[in-house]
Structure formats: C-alpha cells, structure tokens
C-alpha cells in the first residue's frame, strides 16, 4: 500500500505541546524488525488513534512507549525528555500508564484489590482518593468491589483494566484495543468513558480495531502498515481518505 502522506495541521492549531513523541523508532523482536522508523506525536490533552491491520505494529508501538520493549534506535520522548531506555516501572512513576490488549487483570484478586495494585506507587491516602474517582467513573466497579476480577464480564474487566491504569495518576494513557470482544452496547459505553477521561484533561493514545469509533473520538490518527507510518492526519481527513474508507471503515 503506497499512499501520499496527509498534511498534518500546524501545531498551533492542535492543542498543547507534545506530551509524547517518537522519532525514527526501530524496534525488534529478536531478528524480526517490528517497527521500522516510526515517527508520531501526541500533544497534551489529545486523543490520538493508531489504525492498522493485525501485525502492523500498533501493540509493539505501545509496548515500546511503555518500556516493555526498548527501541534499538530512535527516541521515545515524554514531555521532551528521552525515555527510550527507562524501565517500565520507572515510566509508570513518570506518568505513562498502559491498559494492555486482553485486559490482563489479576483474576484471583477482587476489583478493589486490582485497583490497589494499580496504585502501588501511590500513598495509602492517594490510593483511597483515587479509588473514589475510579468508582465515580465506573459505578459498575463500585457495585462489584468485593468480586473477584476473573468472575467479571468482559466489559467489566475492560473497565477494571482502564481503572487500574488510572490509579497510577498518569499523564498519558495508552489503551490497546479497549473494545475487543465487547457487545455493541458495551463498545459505546467504553468509548463514552474514554471521552469522559479525556475531557478531564487526560492525554490518550488509542489502538483500536473499530476504526469508525476511534476516528469519531480522536483528534488525529496514524495508519501503520508492517511497522511503518503510511498515513497520518486529522480524524476528519482520515475519515475522508479513500484507502482508509475501504480498508478500515468497511466501505467499497
């Protein structure tokens, strides 16, 4: 797939300064060249989405940002500071939270215990305060506070995964396929919650299979293919792009 790059809007027209940026990032799994010179930027207060088919490098990009995978070359910058080789637990302390694909909650722990685990870098008082905030955002979790995570529905587990990430008080939230496997009603609910989180000032980088929903709430987006950015632009621009409409929006 060869596409002309959609011009990016000028920075002055797109909100705050760069919260997160990747410059020429190359990452490998052994000998597999997974990311091949990724450049992207997420400005403070934005929702930015990554689109692409399976194997395009979307999850690898999030893992590289959150320190689960370190780039072999190139730079990951958090508010202008190079964090390319900072350990993942240190990045949590510096404000990067990652809600991974597949939720990865602690199935044998209760909802409340999962949230407390998410707040392991905080003081006890902060954990209590943040738990109240998460329960305000997800009333269903408050109702299930003493229930084990593994007995929750898929939608409830996704809420818990996002809530646990929020317990770290992040500056940027990485969401990997939050609607995967959910019913249409729950998908709508999860996306409303993502918008609510963003409205409170959270910067979000969203990987999402549901391109229509992702473009509806994101300000900008990048399209990845085989580890490269092949297209970028505002959500409106991408929604009008013929290739995006055919490949990701299900239109002929």
C-alpha atoms as a PDB file:
ATOM      1  CA  UNK A   1       0.000   0.000   0.000  1.00  0.00           C
ATOM      2  CA  UNK A   2       1.526   3.275  -1.138  1.00  0.00           C
ATOM      3  CA  UNK A   3      -0.172   6.466  -0.042  1.00  0.00           C
ATOM      4  CA  UNK A   4       0.638  10.151  -0.089  1.00  0.00           C
ATOM      5  CA  UNK A   5       1.033  11.495   3.423  1.00  0.00           C
ATOM      6  CA  UNK A   6      -1.881  13.619   4.531  1.00  0.00           C
ATOM      7  CA  UNK A   7      -0.506  17.008   5.649  1.00  0.00           C
ATOM      8  CA  UNK A   8      -0.540  17.410   9.410  1.00  0.00           C
ATOM      9  CA  UNK A   9      -2.204  20.533  10.819  1.00  0.00           C
ATOM     10  CA  UNK A  10       0.139  23.139  12.291  1.00  0.00           C
ATOM     11  CA  UNK A  11       0.972  22.681  15.970  1.00  0.00           C
ATOM     12  CA  UNK A  12      -0.645  25.987  16.908  1.00  0.00           C
ATOM     13  CA  UNK A  13      -3.952  24.625  15.635  1.00  0.00           C
ATOM     14  CA  UNK A  14      -3.790  21.363  17.541  1.00  0.00           C
ATOM     15  CA  UNK A  15      -3.821  21.999  21.253  1.00  0.00           C
ATOM     16  CA  UNK A  16      -0.943  21.818  23.692  1.00  0.00           C
ATOM     17  CA  UNK A  17       2.731  20.954  23.401  1.00  0.00           C
ATOM     18  CA  UNK A  18       3.942  17.430  22.680  1.00  0.00           C
ATOM     19  CA  UNK A  19       3.285  15.157  25.631  1.00  0.00           C
ATOM     20  CA  UNK A  20       4.681  12.137  23.821  1.00  0.00           C
ATOM     21  CA  UNK A  21       6.667  11.729  20.622  1.00  0.00           C
ATOM     22  CA  UNK A  22       8.523   9.006  18.757  1.00  0.00           C
ATOM     23  CA  UNK A  23      11.332   9.917  16.372  1.00  0.00           C
ATOM     24  CA  UNK A  24      12.764   7.333  13.982  1.00  0.00           C
ATOM     25  CA  UNK A  25      11.975   4.422  16.301  1.00  0.00           C
ATOM     26  CA  UNK A  26      13.181   0.987  15.219  1.00  0.00           C
ATOM     27  CA  UNK A  27      12.292  -1.962  17.446  1.00  0.00           C
ATOM     28  CA  UNK A  28      12.909  -5.683  17.119  1.00  0.00           C
ATOM     29  CA  UNK A  29      11.663  -8.994  18.465  1.00  0.00           C
ATOM     30  CA  UNK A  30      14.881 -10.947  18.128  1.00  0.00           C
ATOM     31  CA  UNK A  31      15.687 -10.706  14.417  1.00  0.00           C
ATOM     32  CA  UNK A  32      12.193  -9.519  13.468  1.00  0.00           C
ATOM     33  CA  UNK A  33      12.213  -5.829  12.550  1.00  0.00           C
ATOM     34  CA  UNK A  34       8.841  -4.894  14.093  1.00  0.00           C
ATOM     35  CA  UNK A  35       8.990  -1.078  13.980  1.00  0.00           C
ATOM     36  CA  UNK A  36      10.791   0.489  11.045  1.00  0.00           C
ATOM     37  CA  UNK A  37      11.322   4.176  11.723  1.00  0.00           C
ATOM     38  CA  UNK A  38       8.131   5.216  13.497  1.00  0.00           C
ATOM     39  CA  UNK A  39       7.511   8.953  13.862  1.00  0.00           C
ATOM     40  CA  UNK A  40       4.452  10.177  15.737  1.00  0.00           C
ATOM     41  CA  UNK A  41       3.365  12.804  18.214  1.00  0.00           C
ATOM     42  CA  UNK A  42       0.627  13.091  20.836  1.00  0.00           C
ATOM     43  CA  UNK A  43       0.002  16.585  22.136  1.00  0.00           C
ATOM     44  CA  UNK A  44      -1.196  17.381  25.637  1.00  0.00           C
ATOM     45  CA  UNK A  45      -4.925  16.806  26.015  1.00  0.00           C
ATOM     46  CA  UNK A  46      -5.393  14.968  22.712  1.00  0.00           C
ATOM     47  CA  UNK A  47      -6.823  11.605  21.820  1.00  0.00           C
ATOM     48  CA  UNK A  48      -4.693  10.183  19.004  1.00  0.00           C
ATOM     49  CA  UNK A  49      -5.503   6.825  17.441  1.00  0.00           C
ATOM     50  CA  UNK A  50      -3.306   4.210  15.756  1.00  0.00           C
ATOM     51  CA  UNK A  51      -5.004   2.248  12.993  1.00  0.00           C
ATOM     52  CA  UNK A  52      -3.750  -0.774  11.102  1.00  0.00           C
ATOM     53  CA  UNK A  53      -4.322  -4.448  10.462  1.00  0.00           C
ATOM     54  CA  UNK A  54      -3.055  -7.239  12.701  1.00  0.00           C
ATOM     55  CA  UNK A  55       0.731  -7.284  12.660  1.00  0.00           C
ATOM     56  CA  UNK A  56       1.031  -3.656  11.602  1.00  0.00           C
ATOM     57  CA  UNK A  57       2.975  -2.730  14.744  1.00  0.00           C
ATOM     58  CA  UNK A  58       0.309  -0.981  16.822  1.00  0.00           C
ATOM     59  CA  UNK A  59       0.729  -3.021  20.016  1.00  0.00           C
ATOM     60  CA  UNK A  60       4.507  -3.025  19.556  1.00  0.00           C
ATOM     61  CA  UNK A  61       4.412   0.773  19.419  1.00  0.00           C
ATOM     62  CA  UNK A  62       2.583   0.918  22.755  1.00  0.00           C
ATOM     63  CA  UNK A  63       4.976  -1.597  24.306  1.00  0.00           C
ATOM     64  CA  UNK A  64       7.927   0.486  23.134  1.00  0.00           C
ATOM     65  CA  UNK A  65       6.429   3.615  24.661  1.00  0.00           C
ATOM     66  CA  UNK A  66       5.678   1.939  27.990  1.00  0.00           C
ATOM     67  CA  UNK A  67       9.141   0.370  28.302  1.00  0.00           C
ATOM     68  CA  UNK A  68       8.125  -3.252  27.806  1.00  0.00           C
ATOM     69  CA  UNK A  69      10.264  -3.160  24.672  1.00  0.00           C
ATOM     70  CA  UNK A  70      13.183  -0.792  24.110  1.00  0.00           C
ATOM     71  CA  UNK A  71      13.993   0.647  20.676  1.00  0.00           C
ATOM     72  CA  UNK A  72      17.225  -0.412  19.015  1.00  0.00           C
ATOM     73  CA  UNK A  73      17.465   3.072  17.529  1.00  0.00           C
ATOM     74  CA  UNK A  74      15.424   6.245  17.570  1.00  0.00           C
ATOM     75  CA  UNK A  75      13.946   8.070  20.542  1.00  0.00           C
ATOM     76  CA  UNK A  76      10.835   7.995  22.704  1.00  0.00           C
ATOM     77  CA  UNK A  77      10.292  11.398  24.298  1.00  0.00           C
ATOM     78  CA  UNK A  78       7.990  12.150  27.222  1.00  0.00           C
ATOM     79  CA  UNK A  79       7.464  15.896  27.569  1.00  0.00           C
ATOM     80  CA  UNK A  80      10.721  16.407  25.709  1.00  0.00           C
ATOM     81  CA  UNK A  81      12.776  14.004  27.864  1.00  0.00           C
ATOM     82  CA  UNK A  82      14.279  10.891  26.291  1.00  0.00           C
ATOM     83  CA  UNK A  83      12.789   7.819  27.989  1.00  0.00           C
ATOM     84  CA  UNK A  84      13.766   5.301  25.306  1.00  0.00           C
ATOM     85  CA  UNK A  85      15.581   3.023  27.744  1.00  0.00           C
ATOM     86  CA  UNK A  86      13.798   3.777  31.001  1.00  0.00           C
ATOM     87  CA  UNK A  87      12.449   0.663  32.754  1.00  0.00           C
ATOM     88  CA  UNK A  88       8.696   0.155  32.541  1.00  0.00           C
ATOM     89  CA  UNK A  89       8.096   0.541  36.286  1.00  0.00           C
ATOM     90  CA  UNK A  90      10.011   3.817  36.236  1.00  0.00           C
ATOM     91  CA  UNK A  91       7.874   5.037  33.350  1.00  0.00           C
ATOM     92  CA  UNK A  92       4.775   4.372  35.428  1.00  0.00           C
ATOM     93  CA  UNK A  93       6.210   6.692  38.064  1.00  0.00           C
ATOM     94  CA  UNK A  94       6.896   9.273  35.350  1.00  0.00           C
ATOM     95  CA  UNK A  95       3.308   9.242  34.178  1.00  0.00           C
ATOM     96  CA  UNK A  96       2.866   6.564  31.496  1.00  0.00           C
ATOM     97  CA  UNK A  97       0.012   4.098  32.061  1.00  0.00           C
ATOM     98  CA  UNK A  98      -0.707   1.162  29.768  1.00  0.00           C
ATOM     99  CA  UNK A  99      -4.001  -0.754  29.657  1.00  0.00           C
ATOM    100  CA  UNK A 100      -2.905  -3.718  27.511  1.00  0.00           C
ATOM    101  CA  UNK A 101      -4.790  -5.767  24.981  1.00  0.00           C
ATOM    102  CA  UNK A 102      -6.595  -8.627  26.681  1.00  0.00           C
ATOM    103  CA  UNK A 103      -7.061  -6.616  29.930  1.00  0.00           C
ATOM    104  CA  UNK A 104      -4.508  -8.644  31.947  1.00  0.00           C
ATOM    105  CA  UNK A 105      -6.279  -8.073  35.254  1.00  0.00           C
ATOM    106  CA  UNK A 106      -5.494 -10.152  38.347  1.00  0.00           C
ATOM    107  CA  UNK A 107      -8.290 -12.708  38.082  1.00  0.00           C
ATOM    108  CA  UNK A 108      -7.984 -14.032  41.655  1.00  0.00           C
ATOM    109  CA  UNK A 109      -7.961 -10.597  43.257  1.00  0.00           C
ATOM    110  CA  UNK A 110     -11.080  -8.573  43.917  1.00  0.00           C
ATOM    111  CA  UNK A 111     -11.931  -5.437  41.991  1.00  0.00           C
ATOM    112  CA  UNK A 112     -10.765  -3.320  44.910  1.00  0.00           C
ATOM    113  CA  UNK A 113      -7.510  -5.276  45.230  1.00  0.00           C
ATOM    114  CA  UNK A 114      -6.849  -4.870  41.493  1.00  0.00           C
ATOM    115  CA  UNK A 115      -7.234  -1.119  41.849  1.00  0.00           C
ATOM    116  CA  UNK A 116      -4.974  -1.081  44.880  1.00  0.00           C
ATOM    117  CA  UNK A 117      -2.350  -2.967  42.891  1.00  0.00           C
ATOM    118  CA  UNK A 118      -2.621  -0.284  40.224  1.00  0.00           C
ATOM    119  CA  UNK A 119      -1.853   2.333  42.853  1.00  0.00           C
ATOM    120  CA  UNK A 120       1.275   0.647  44.156  1.00  0.00           C
ATOM    121  CA  UNK A 121       3.359   3.769  43.522  1.00  0.00           C
ATOM    122  CA  UNK A 122       0.957   5.994  45.481  1.00  0.00           C
ATOM    123  CA  UNK A 123       0.496   6.638  49.176  1.00  0.00           C
ATOM    124  CA  UNK A 124      -2.378   4.960  51.046  1.00  0.00           C
ATOM    125  CA  UNK A 125      -4.263   8.242  51.178  1.00  0.00           C
ATOM    126  CA  UNK A 126      -3.818   8.768  47.429  1.00  0.00           C
ATOM    127  CA  UNK A 127      -4.995   5.222  46.697  1.00  0.00           C
ATOM    128  CA  UNK A 128      -8.169   5.796  48.733  1.00  0.00           C
ATOM    129  CA  UNK A 129      -8.792   9.094  46.943  1.00  0.00           C
ATOM    130  CA  UNK A 130      -8.119   7.635  43.504  1.00  0.00           C
ATOM    131  CA  UNK A 131     -10.356   4.639  44.191  1.00  0.00           C
ATOM    132  CA  UNK A 132     -13.223   7.038  44.819  1.00  0.00           C
ATOM    133  CA  UNK A 133     -12.510   8.738  41.497  1.00  0.00           C
ATOM    134  CA  UNK A 134     -12.416   5.413  39.618  1.00  0.00           C
ATOM    135  CA  UNK A 135     -15.664   4.277  41.233  1.00  0.00           C
ATOM    136  CA  UNK A 136     -17.212   7.608  40.226  1.00  0.00           C
ATOM    137  CA  UNK A 137     -16.140   6.983  36.635  1.00  0.00           C
ATOM    138  CA  UNK A 138     -17.147   3.284  36.711  1.00  0.00           C
ATOM    139  CA  UNK A 139     -20.158   2.816  39.051  1.00  0.00           C
ATOM    140  CA  UNK A 140     -20.337  -0.832  37.962  1.00  0.00           C
ATOM    141  CA  UNK A 141     -16.938  -1.459  39.534  1.00  0.00           C
ATOM    142  CA  UNK A 142     -18.110   0.030  42.817  1.00  0.00           C
ATOM    143  CA  UNK A 143     -21.003  -2.431  42.808  1.00  0.00           C
ATOM    144  CA  UNK A 144     -18.513  -5.268  42.203  1.00  0.00           C
ATOM    145  CA  UNK A 145     -15.783  -4.026  44.575  1.00  0.00           C
ATOM    146  CA  UNK A 146     -15.543  -7.295  46.521  1.00  0.00           C
ATOM    147  CA  UNK A 147     -15.975  -9.566  43.491  1.00  0.00           C
ATOM    148  CA  UNK A 148     -13.013 -11.407  42.015  1.00  0.00           C
ATOM    149  CA  UNK A 149     -11.774  -9.993  38.737  1.00  0.00           C
ATOM    150  CA  UNK A 150     -11.971 -13.313  36.924  1.00  0.00           C
ATOM    151  CA  UNK A 151     -15.745 -13.517  37.500  1.00  0.00           C
ATOM    152  CA  UNK A 152     -16.495 -10.161  35.864  1.00  0.00           C
ATOM    153  CA  UNK A 153     -17.979  -9.829  32.397  1.00  0.00           C
ATOM    154  CA  UNK A 154     -15.721  -8.801  29.517  1.00  0.00           C
ATOM    155  CA  UNK A 155     -16.951  -5.226  29.670  1.00  0.00           C
ATOM    156  CA  UNK A 156     -16.447  -5.046  33.405  1.00  0.00           C
ATOM    157  CA  UNK A 157     -12.930  -6.442  33.072  1.00  0.00           C
ATOM    158  CA  UNK A 158     -12.148  -3.750  30.496  1.00  0.00           C
ATOM    159  CA  UNK A 159     -13.441  -1.095  32.886  1.00  0.00           C
ATOM    160  CA  UNK A 160     -11.233  -2.571  35.576  1.00  0.00           C
ATOM    161  CA  UNK A 161      -8.176  -2.571  33.303  1.00  0.00           C
ATOM    162  CA  UNK A 162      -8.697   1.101  32.497  1.00  0.00           C
ATOM    163  CA  UNK A 163      -9.459   1.940  36.116  1.00  0.00           C
ATOM    164  CA  UNK A 164      -6.325   0.160  37.306  1.00  0.00           C
ATOM    165  CA  UNK A 165      -4.252   2.166  34.823  1.00  0.00           C
ATOM    166  CA  UNK A 166      -5.818   5.395  36.075  1.00  0.00           C
ATOM    167  CA  UNK A 167      -4.784   4.527  39.633  1.00  0.00           C
ATOM    168  CA  UNK A 168      -1.209   5.451  38.691  1.00  0.00           C
ATOM    169  CA  UNK A 169      -2.309   9.068  38.066  1.00  0.00           C
ATOM    170  CA  UNK A 170      -0.857   9.045  34.555  1.00  0.00           C
ATOM    171  CA  UNK A 171      -0.076  11.990  32.314  1.00  0.00           C
ATOM    172  CA  UNK A 172      -0.573   9.858  29.216  1.00  0.00           C
ATOM    173  CA  UNK A 173      -2.803   6.797  28.958  1.00  0.00           C
ATOM    174  CA  UNK A 174      -2.098   4.038  26.416  1.00  0.00           C
ATOM    175  CA  UNK A 175      -5.181   1.996  25.532  1.00  0.00           C
ATOM    176  CA  UNK A 176      -4.765  -1.180  23.473  1.00  0.00           C
ATOM    177  CA  UNK A 177      -7.973  -2.499  21.856  1.00  0.00           C
ATOM    178  CA  UNK A 178     -10.385  -1.476  24.641  1.00  0.00           C
ATOM    179  CA  UNK A 179     -13.464  -2.595  22.683  1.00  0.00           C
ATOM    180  CA  UNK A 180     -12.127  -6.001  21.627  1.00  0.00           C
ATOM    181  CA  UNK A 181     -14.708  -8.761  22.171  1.00  0.00           C
ATOM    182  CA  UNK A 182     -17.381  -6.477  23.606  1.00  0.00           C
ATOM    183  CA  UNK A 183     -21.017  -6.202  22.583  1.00  0.00           C
ATOM    184  CA  UNK A 184     -22.059  -3.108  20.597  1.00  0.00           C
ATOM    185  CA  UNK A 185     -23.761  -1.589  23.640  1.00  0.00           C
ATOM    186  CA  UNK A 186     -20.655  -2.037  25.785  1.00  0.00           C
ATOM    187  CA  UNK A 187     -18.463  -0.662  22.995  1.00  0.00           C
ATOM    188  CA  UNK A 188     -20.500   2.533  23.048  1.00  0.00           C
ATOM    189  CA  UNK A 189     -20.200   2.691  26.820  1.00  0.00           C
ATOM    190  CA  UNK A 190     -16.424   2.200  26.791  1.00  0.00           C
ATOM    191  CA  UNK A 191     -15.970   4.929  24.194  1.00  0.00           C
ATOM    192  CA  UNK A 192     -18.122   7.337  26.194  1.00  0.00           C
ATOM    193  CA  UNK A 193     -15.916   6.645  29.196  1.00  0.00           C
ATOM    194  CA  UNK A 194     -12.745   7.253  27.158  1.00  0.00           C
ATOM    195  CA  UNK A 195     -14.181  10.612  26.097  1.00  0.00           C
ATOM    196  CA  UNK A 196     -15.028  11.428  29.710  1.00  0.00           C
ATOM    197  CA  UNK A 197     -11.483  10.590  30.814  1.00  0.00           C
ATOM    198  CA  UNK A 198     -10.111  12.815  28.063  1.00  0.00           C
ATOM    199  CA  UNK A 199     -12.479  15.654  28.998  1.00  0.00           C
ATOM    200  CA  UNK A 200     -10.831  15.676  32.433  1.00  0.00           C
ATOM    201  CA  UNK A 201      -7.507  16.507  30.773  1.00  0.00           C
ATOM    202  CA  UNK A 202      -6.029  13.064  30.106  1.00  0.00           C
ATOM    203  CA  UNK A 203      -3.804  12.612  27.046  1.00  0.00           C
ATOM    204  CA  UNK A 204      -4.661   9.330  25.310  1.00  0.00           C
ATOM    205  CA  UNK A 205      -3.003   7.194  22.639  1.00  0.00           C
ATOM    206  CA  UNK A 206      -5.588   4.686  21.449  1.00  0.00           C
ATOM    207  CA  UNK A 207      -5.074   1.473  19.500  1.00  0.00           C
ATOM    208  CA  UNK A 208      -8.462   0.303  18.311  1.00  0.00           C
ATOM    209  CA  UNK A 209      -9.817  -2.225  15.804  1.00  0.00           C
ATOM    210  CA  UNK A 210     -13.054  -0.256  15.491  1.00  0.00           C
ATOM    211  CA  UNK A 211     -11.733   2.488  13.232  1.00  0.00           C
ATOM    212  CA  UNK A 212     -15.090   4.216  12.900  1.00  0.00           C
ATOM    213  CA  UNK A 213     -15.446   4.655  16.659  1.00  0.00           C
ATOM    214  CA  UNK A 214     -11.791   5.560  17.110  1.00  0.00           C
ATOM    215  CA  UNK A 215     -11.888   8.294  14.466  1.00  0.00           C
ATOM    216  CA  UNK A 216     -15.145   9.597  15.938  1.00  0.00           C
ATOM    217  CA  UNK A 217     -13.489  10.450  19.274  1.00  0.00           C
ATOM    218  CA  UNK A 218      -9.851  11.052  18.287  1.00  0.00           C
ATOM    219  CA  UNK A 219      -8.487  14.371  17.071  1.00  0.00           C
ATOM    220  CA  UNK A 220      -5.776  12.862  14.903  1.00  0.00           C
ATOM    221  CA  UNK A 221      -4.617   9.476  13.750  1.00  0.00           C
ATOM    222  CA  UNK A 222      -1.810   7.457  12.203  1.00  0.00           C
ATOM    223  CA  UNK A 223      -2.154   4.430   9.948  1.00  0.00           C
ATOM    224  CA  UNK A 224       0.528   1.763  10.393  1.00  0.00           C
ATOM    225  CA  UNK A 225       1.497  -0.980   7.988  1.00  0.00           C
ATOM    226  CA  UNK A 226       4.307  -3.502   8.559  1.00  0.00           C
ATOM    227  CA  UNK A 227       5.963  -1.300  11.148  1.00  0.00           C
ATOM    228  CA  UNK A 228       5.781   1.978   9.241  1.00  0.00           C
ATOM    229  CA  UNK A 229       3.505   5.010   9.350  1.00  0.00           C
ATOM    230  CA  UNK A 230       1.958   5.153   5.881  1.00  0.00           C
ATOM    231  CA  UNK A 231      -0.672   7.816   6.512  1.00  0.00           C
ATOM    232  CA  UNK A 232      -1.431  10.485   9.097  1.00  0.00           C
ATOM    233  CA  UNK A 233      -3.785  13.387   9.555  1.00  0.00           C
ATOM    234  CA  UNK A 234      -6.765  14.694  11.439  1.00  0.00           C
ATOM    235  CA  UNK A 235      -9.602  12.272  12.064  1.00  0.00           C
ATOM    236  CA  UNK A 236     -11.728  14.156   9.535  1.00  0.00           C
ATOM    237  CA  UNK A 237      -9.009  13.825   6.901  1.00  0.00           C
ATOM    238  CA  UNK A 238      -8.530  10.127   7.542  1.00  0.00           C
ATOM    239  CA  UNK A 239     -12.278   9.504   7.501  1.00  0.00           C
ATOM    240  CA  UNK A 240     -12.437  11.030   4.012  1.00  0.00           C
ATOM    241  CA  UNK A 241      -9.386   9.141   2.716  1.00  0.00           C
ATOM    242  CA  UNK A 242     -10.338   6.534   0.133  1.00  0.00           C
ATOM    243  CA  UNK A 243      -7.859   3.921   1.361  1.00  0.00           C
ATOM    244  CA  UNK A 244      -8.976   4.289   4.979  1.00  0.00           C
ATOM    245  CA  UNK A 245     -12.633   4.088   3.985  1.00  0.00           C
ATOM    246  CA  UNK A 246     -12.030   0.856   2.053  1.00  0.00           C
ATOM    247  CA  UNK A 247      -9.622  -0.848   4.433  1.00  0.00           C
ATOM    248  CA  UNK A 248     -10.857   0.223   7.866  1.00  0.00           C
ATOM    249  CA  UNK A 249     -14.368   1.647   7.582  1.00  0.00           C
ATOM    250  CA  UNK A 250     -15.841  -1.206   5.523  1.00  0.00           C
ATOM    251  CA  UNK A 251     -16.835   0.941   2.553  1.00  0.00           C
ATOM    252  CA  UNK A 252     -16.478  -0.023  -1.102  1.00  0.00           C
END
